[in-house]
Amino acid sequence: MPHSFANTVIVVGNDGLGHGDDTLRRRLVATYFRTLYESGHLPQAVVFYTRGVLLIADDSNCLEELRALANVGVPLIACRTCLEYFGLMERVAVGEIGNMLGIVEAQSAAEKVITL
């Protein structure tokens, strides 16, 4: 069962999970990525847009978890337009800078898309 996410793309459109307290939301997203890695449920790709790109910046609280995913071959693709909007182009610490075409292609190649 560890490969059940093999044809899945995870879409991250926010800098945390859920709504409410920012500290809790950010802690939860780090826990999610750590659990994803540790469980072996590796997705086909993780794509980041809007506030989700904040998670790949050099001051993100989940860099260790995202680096672990990247190190085992999970592509982490961030929207260039979003990075530019937030002034993060020079602060990308993990993953690759992509564009909306790459995000759409990753989604269309997936059997399942999960939005966080």
N, C-alpha and C. Protein backbone atom coordinates (compact mmCIF):
# COMPACT_ATOMS: atom_id res chain seq x y z
N MET A 1 0.79 -1.21 0.00
CA MET A 1 0.00 0.00 0.00
C MET A 1 0.84 1.28 0.00
N PRO A 2 2.13 1.26 0.30
CA PRO A 2 2.90 2.49 0.33
C PRO A 2 2.93 3.27 -0.98
N HIS A 3 2.56 2.65 -2.08
CA HIS A 3 2.63 3.35 -3.35
C HIS A 3 1.27 3.81 -3.85
N SER A 4 0.29 3.92 -2.97
CA SER A 4 -1.05 4.28 -3.38
C SER A 4 -1.17 5.72 -3.88
N PHE A 5 -0.20 6.57 -3.62
CA PHE A 5 -0.21 7.94 -4.11
C PHE A 5 0.63 8.10 -5.39
N ALA A 6 1.11 7.00 -5.95
CA ALA A 6 2.05 7.06 -7.07
C ALA A 6 1.52 7.84 -8.26
N ASN A 7 0.22 7.83 -8.50
CA ASN A 7 -0.36 8.56 -9.62
C ASN A 7 -1.17 9.76 -9.14
N THR A 8 -0.72 10.34 -8.05
CA THR A 8 -1.44 11.45 -7.42
C THR A 8 -0.56 12.69 -7.39
N VAL A 9 -1.18 13.83 -7.68
CA VAL A 9 -0.51 15.12 -7.53
C VAL A 9 -1.18 15.84 -6.37
N ILE A 10 -0.36 16.39 -5.49
CA ILE A 10 -0.86 17.17 -4.37
C ILE A 10 -0.69 18.64 -4.71
N VAL A 11 -1.77 19.38 -4.61
CA VAL A 11 -1.78 20.81 -4.91
C VAL A 11 -1.83 21.58 -3.59
N VAL A 12 -0.86 22.48 -3.40
CA VAL A 12 -0.77 23.26 -2.18
C VAL A 12 -1.02 24.73 -2.54
N GLY A 13 -2.16 25.24 -2.11
CA GLY A 13 -2.52 26.61 -2.43
C GLY A 13 -2.54 27.52 -1.23
N ASN A 14 -1.97 27.04 -0.11
CA ASN A 14 -1.95 27.86 1.09
C ASN A 14 -0.69 27.53 1.89
N ASP A 15 -0.37 28.37 2.86
CA ASP A 15 0.86 28.18 3.63
C ASP A 15 0.61 27.41 4.92
N GLY A 16 -0.48 26.67 4.98
CA GLY A 16 -0.80 25.84 6.14
C GLY A 16 -2.00 24.97 5.82
N LEU A 17 -2.40 24.15 6.77
CA LEU A 17 -3.57 23.29 6.60
C LEU A 17 -4.72 23.84 7.43
N GLY A 18 -5.89 23.84 6.84
CA GLY A 18 -7.09 24.25 7.55
C GLY A 18 -7.22 25.75 7.67
N HIS A 19 -8.07 26.14 8.59
CA HIS A 19 -8.35 27.56 8.83
C HIS A 19 -8.16 27.85 10.31
N GLY A 20 -7.90 29.09 10.61
CA GLY A 20 -7.76 29.46 12.02
C GLY A 20 -6.35 29.89 12.34
N ASP A 21 -5.88 29.47 13.49
CA ASP A 21 -4.59 29.89 14.02
C ASP A 21 -3.44 29.56 13.07
N ASP A 22 -2.66 30.59 12.70
CA ASP A 22 -1.57 30.41 11.73
C ASP A 22 -0.49 29.45 12.24
N THR A 23 -0.16 29.52 13.51
CA THR A 23 0.87 28.64 14.05
C THR A 23 0.44 27.18 13.93
N LEU A 24 -0.79 26.90 14.27
CA LEU A 24 -1.30 25.53 14.16
C LEU A 24 -1.35 25.09 12.70
N ARG A 25 -1.83 25.93 11.80
CA ARG A 25 -1.93 25.59 10.38
C ARG A 25 -0.56 25.23 9.81
N ARG A 26 0.45 26.01 10.18
CA ARG A 26 1.80 25.76 9.66
C ARG A 26 2.41 24.51 10.28
N ARG A 27 2.13 24.26 11.53
CA ARG A 27 2.61 23.03 12.16
C ARG A 27 1.97 21.81 11.51
N LEU A 28 0.68 21.91 11.21
CA LEU A 28 -0.03 20.80 10.58
C LEU A 28 0.51 20.48 9.19
N VAL A 29 0.82 21.50 8.40
CA VAL A 29 1.32 21.22 7.05
C VAL A 29 2.69 20.56 7.11
N ALA A 30 3.52 20.96 8.05
CA ALA A 30 4.83 20.30 8.22
C ALA A 30 4.63 18.85 8.64
N THR A 31 3.70 18.61 9.54
CA THR A 31 3.39 17.25 9.97
C THR A 31 2.85 16.42 8.81
N TYR A 32 2.02 17.03 7.98
CA TYR A 32 1.48 16.32 6.82
C TYR A 32 2.60 15.84 5.90
N PHE A 33 3.52 16.75 5.54
CA PHE A 33 4.61 16.37 4.64
C PHE A 33 5.55 15.35 5.28
N ARG A 34 5.82 15.47 6.58
CA ARG A 34 6.66 14.50 7.27
C ARG A 34 5.99 13.12 7.27
N THR A 35 4.69 13.08 7.54
CA THR A 35 3.95 11.82 7.55
C THR A 35 3.89 11.21 6.16
N LEU A 36 3.72 12.04 5.15
CA LEU A 36 3.71 11.57 3.77
C LEU A 36 5.02 10.86 3.45
N TYR A 37 6.11 11.50 3.80
CA TYR A 37 7.44 10.93 3.56
C TYR A 37 7.66 9.65 4.37
N GLU A 38 7.41 9.72 5.66
CA GLU A 38 7.68 8.58 6.54
C GLU A 38 6.80 7.37 6.21
N SER A 39 5.59 7.61 5.73
CA SER A 39 4.68 6.51 5.43
C SER A 39 4.99 5.85 4.10
N GLY A 40 5.79 6.51 3.27
CA GLY A 40 6.10 5.97 1.95
C GLY A 40 5.02 6.24 0.92
N HIS A 41 4.02 7.02 1.28
CA HIS A 41 2.96 7.38 0.34
C HIS A 41 3.43 8.57 -0.49
N LEU A 42 4.30 8.29 -1.45
CA LEU A 42 4.93 9.36 -2.21
C LEU A 42 4.09 9.73 -3.42
N PRO A 43 3.76 11.00 -3.55
CA PRO A 43 2.97 11.43 -4.70
C PRO A 43 3.82 11.55 -5.96
N GLN A 44 3.15 11.64 -7.08
CA GLN A 44 3.81 11.84 -8.37
C GLN A 44 4.50 13.20 -8.40
N ALA A 45 3.87 14.19 -7.76
CA ALA A 45 4.43 15.54 -7.68
C ALA A 45 3.65 16.32 -6.63
N VAL A 46 4.27 17.40 -6.15
CA VAL A 46 3.59 18.37 -5.30
C VAL A 46 3.75 19.71 -5.99
N VAL A 47 2.64 20.40 -6.22
CA VAL A 47 2.70 21.70 -6.88
C VAL A 47 2.22 22.78 -5.91
N PHE A 48 2.84 23.94 -6.01
CA PHE A 48 2.58 25.04 -5.09
C PHE A 48 2.18 26.28 -5.88
N TYR A 49 1.07 26.89 -5.48
CA TYR A 49 0.72 28.20 -6.04
C TYR A 49 0.02 29.04 -5.00
N THR A 50 -0.28 30.26 -5.33
CA THR A 50 -0.73 31.30 -4.41
C THR A 50 0.13 31.25 -3.14
N ARG A 51 -0.48 31.30 -1.96
CA ARG A 51 0.31 31.34 -0.72
C ARG A 51 1.07 30.05 -0.46
N GLY A 52 0.79 29.01 -1.19
CA GLY A 52 1.52 27.75 -1.04
C GLY A 52 3.00 27.90 -1.33
N VAL A 53 3.37 28.85 -2.20
CA VAL A 53 4.79 29.02 -2.52
C VAL A 53 5.60 29.49 -1.32
N LEU A 54 4.94 30.03 -0.30
CA LEU A 54 5.66 30.44 0.90
C LEU A 54 6.32 29.25 1.59
N LEU A 55 5.81 28.06 1.34
CA LEU A 55 6.34 26.86 2.00
C LEU A 55 7.70 26.42 1.45
N ILE A 56 8.06 26.87 0.27
CA ILE A 56 9.35 26.47 -0.29
C ILE A 56 10.42 27.56 -0.12
N ALA A 57 10.06 28.64 0.54
CA ALA A 57 11.01 29.74 0.76
C ALA A 57 11.98 29.39 1.88
N ASP A 58 13.08 30.11 1.93
CA ASP A 58 14.16 29.82 2.86
C ASP A 58 13.78 29.93 4.34
N ASP A 59 12.65 30.57 4.66
CA ASP A 59 12.24 30.68 6.06
C ASP A 59 11.04 29.80 6.40
N SER A 60 10.73 28.86 5.54
CA SER A 60 9.60 27.97 5.76
C SER A 60 9.85 27.03 6.93
N ASN A 61 8.79 26.72 7.65
CA ASN A 61 8.91 25.80 8.78
C ASN A 61 8.88 24.33 8.34
N CYS A 62 8.70 24.07 7.05
CA CYS A 62 8.64 22.66 6.62
C CYS A 62 9.68 22.33 5.55
N LEU A 63 10.79 23.05 5.54
CA LEU A 63 11.84 22.78 4.57
C LEU A 63 12.43 21.39 4.73
N GLU A 64 12.65 20.96 5.95
CA GLU A 64 13.22 19.63 6.18
C GLU A 64 12.33 18.55 5.57
N GLU A 65 11.04 18.67 5.79
CA GLU A 65 10.09 17.69 5.27
C GLU A 65 10.03 17.72 3.75
N LEU A 66 10.02 18.92 3.18
CA LEU A 66 9.97 19.04 1.73
C LEU A 66 11.28 18.58 1.09
N ARG A 67 12.40 18.85 1.71
CA ARG A 67 13.69 18.36 1.19
C ARG A 67 13.74 16.84 1.20
N ALA A 68 13.17 16.23 2.24
CA ALA A 68 13.13 14.77 2.30
C ALA A 68 12.35 14.22 1.12
N LEU A 69 11.22 14.82 0.80
CA LEU A 69 10.43 14.38 -0.36
C LEU A 69 11.21 14.58 -1.66
N ALA A 70 11.85 15.74 -1.79
CA ALA A 70 12.62 16.02 -3.01
C ALA A 70 13.78 15.04 -3.15
N ASN A 71 14.41 14.70 -2.04
CA ASN A 71 15.57 13.80 -2.07
C ASN A 71 15.22 12.38 -2.49
N VAL A 72 13.96 12.00 -2.37
CA VAL A 72 13.55 10.67 -2.84
C VAL A 72 12.86 10.76 -4.20
N GLY A 73 13.00 11.90 -4.87
CA GLY A 73 12.56 12.02 -6.24
C GLY A 73 11.18 12.61 -6.49
N VAL A 74 10.53 13.13 -5.45
CA VAL A 74 9.22 13.75 -5.66
C VAL A 74 9.44 15.17 -6.19
N PRO A 75 8.97 15.46 -7.41
CA PRO A 75 9.10 16.82 -7.93
C PRO A 75 8.25 17.80 -7.12
N LEU A 76 8.86 18.91 -6.75
CA LEU A 76 8.17 20.00 -6.07
C LEU A 76 8.20 21.18 -7.03
N ILE A 77 7.04 21.56 -7.53
CA ILE A 77 6.96 22.56 -8.59
C ILE A 77 6.23 23.79 -8.08
N ALA A 78 6.89 24.95 -8.14
CA ALA A 78 6.32 26.20 -7.66
C ALA A 78 6.00 27.13 -8.82
N CYS A 79 4.89 27.80 -8.72
CA CYS A 79 4.43 28.75 -9.73
C CYS A 79 5.32 29.99 -9.74
N ARG A 80 5.94 30.26 -10.88
CA ARG A 80 6.82 31.42 -11.03
C ARG A 80 6.07 32.73 -10.79
N THR A 81 4.87 32.87 -11.32
CA THR A 81 4.09 34.10 -11.15
C THR A 81 3.84 34.37 -9.67
N CYS A 82 3.54 33.32 -8.92
CA CYS A 82 3.27 33.46 -7.49
C CYS A 82 4.55 33.83 -6.73
N LEU A 83 5.65 33.19 -7.09
CA LEU A 83 6.93 33.52 -6.46
C LEU A 83 7.29 34.98 -6.71
N GLU A 84 7.09 35.44 -7.94
CA GLU A 84 7.37 36.83 -8.27
C GLU A 84 6.46 37.77 -7.48
N TYR A 85 5.19 37.42 -7.40
CA TYR A 85 4.21 38.24 -6.68
C TYR A 85 4.63 38.45 -5.23
N PHE A 86 5.08 37.38 -4.57
CA PHE A 86 5.47 37.46 -3.17
C PHE A 86 6.94 37.86 -2.98
N GLY A 87 7.67 38.14 -4.06
CA GLY A 87 9.06 38.54 -3.97
C GLY A 87 9.97 37.42 -3.47
N LEU A 88 9.69 36.19 -3.90
CA LEU A 88 10.42 35.03 -3.38
C LEU A 88 11.35 34.36 -4.40
N MET A 89 11.52 34.94 -5.56
CA MET A 89 12.33 34.28 -6.59
C MET A 89 13.73 33.94 -6.11
N GLU A 90 14.33 34.81 -5.32
CA GLU A 90 15.70 34.60 -4.84
C GLU A 90 15.73 33.79 -3.54
N ARG A 91 14.56 33.44 -3.01
CA ARG A 91 14.51 32.77 -1.71
C ARG A 91 14.00 31.33 -1.79
N VAL A 92 13.91 30.78 -3.00
CA VAL A 92 13.46 29.39 -3.16
C VAL A 92 14.54 28.47 -2.59
N ALA A 93 14.17 27.67 -1.60
CA ALA A 93 15.14 26.81 -0.92
C ALA A 93 15.00 25.34 -1.29
N VAL A 94 13.90 24.97 -1.92
CA VAL A 94 13.67 23.58 -2.29
C VAL A 94 12.71 23.56 -3.48
N GLY A 95 12.87 22.56 -4.31
CA GLY A 95 11.97 22.42 -5.44
C GLY A 95 12.44 23.17 -6.67
N GLU A 96 11.54 23.23 -7.64
CA GLU A 96 11.87 23.88 -8.90
C GLU A 96 10.85 24.97 -9.22
N ILE A 97 11.32 25.96 -9.93
CA ILE A 97 10.43 27.03 -10.35
C ILE A 97 9.81 26.62 -11.68
N GLY A 98 8.51 26.56 -11.68
CA GLY A 98 7.78 26.16 -12.89
C GLY A 98 6.81 27.26 -13.29
N ASN A 99 5.85 26.86 -14.08
CA ASN A 99 4.82 27.80 -14.49
C ASN A 99 3.48 27.09 -14.49
N MET A 100 2.43 27.80 -14.82
CA MET A 100 1.11 27.21 -14.76
C MET A 100 0.96 26.07 -15.76
N LEU A 101 1.64 26.15 -16.89
CA LEU A 101 1.58 25.05 -17.86
C LEU A 101 2.13 23.77 -17.23
N GLY A 102 3.24 23.86 -16.54
CA GLY A 102 3.81 22.68 -15.88
C GLY A 102 2.89 22.14 -14.80
N ILE A 103 2.21 23.03 -14.08
CA ILE A 103 1.27 22.60 -13.05
C ILE A 103 0.08 21.89 -13.68
N VAL A 104 -0.45 22.46 -14.75
CA VAL A 104 -1.58 21.84 -15.45
C VAL A 104 -1.16 20.49 -16.04
N GLU A 105 0.03 20.40 -16.61
CA GLU A 105 0.50 19.13 -17.17
C GLU A 105 0.65 18.07 -16.08
N ALA A 106 1.18 18.46 -14.92
CA ALA A 106 1.31 17.50 -13.81
C ALA A 106 -0.06 17.02 -13.37
N GLN A 107 -1.01 17.92 -13.29
CA GLN A 107 -2.36 17.53 -12.89
C GLN A 107 -3.01 16.63 -13.92
N SER A 108 -2.83 16.95 -15.19
CA SER A 108 -3.49 16.15 -16.23
C SER A 108 -2.88 14.76 -16.36
N ALA A 109 -1.62 14.60 -15.97
CA ALA A 109 -0.97 13.29 -16.03
C ALA A 109 -1.35 12.42 -14.83
N ALA A 110 -1.92 13.03 -13.81
CA ALA A 110 -2.27 12.30 -12.59
C ALA A 110 -3.62 11.63 -12.71
N GLU A 111 -3.76 10.52 -12.02
CA GLU A 111 -5.07 9.87 -11.91
C GLU A 111 -5.91 10.56 -10.84
N LYS A 112 -5.24 11.16 -9.85
CA LYS A 112 -5.94 11.80 -8.75
C LYS A 112 -5.19 13.06 -8.37
N VAL A 113 -5.95 14.13 -8.04
CA VAL A 113 -5.37 15.37 -7.56
C VAL A 113 -5.97 15.66 -6.18
N ILE A 114 -5.10 15.87 -5.22
CA ILE A 114 -5.52 16.22 -3.87
C ILE A 114 -5.13 17.67 -3.61
N THR A 115 -6.09 18.47 -3.21
CA THR A 115 -5.84 19.88 -2.91
C THR A 115 -5.82 20.09 -1.41
N LEU A 116 -4.72 20.67 -0.91
CA LEU A 116 -4.62 20.95 0.52
C LEU A 116 -5.10 22.37 0.78
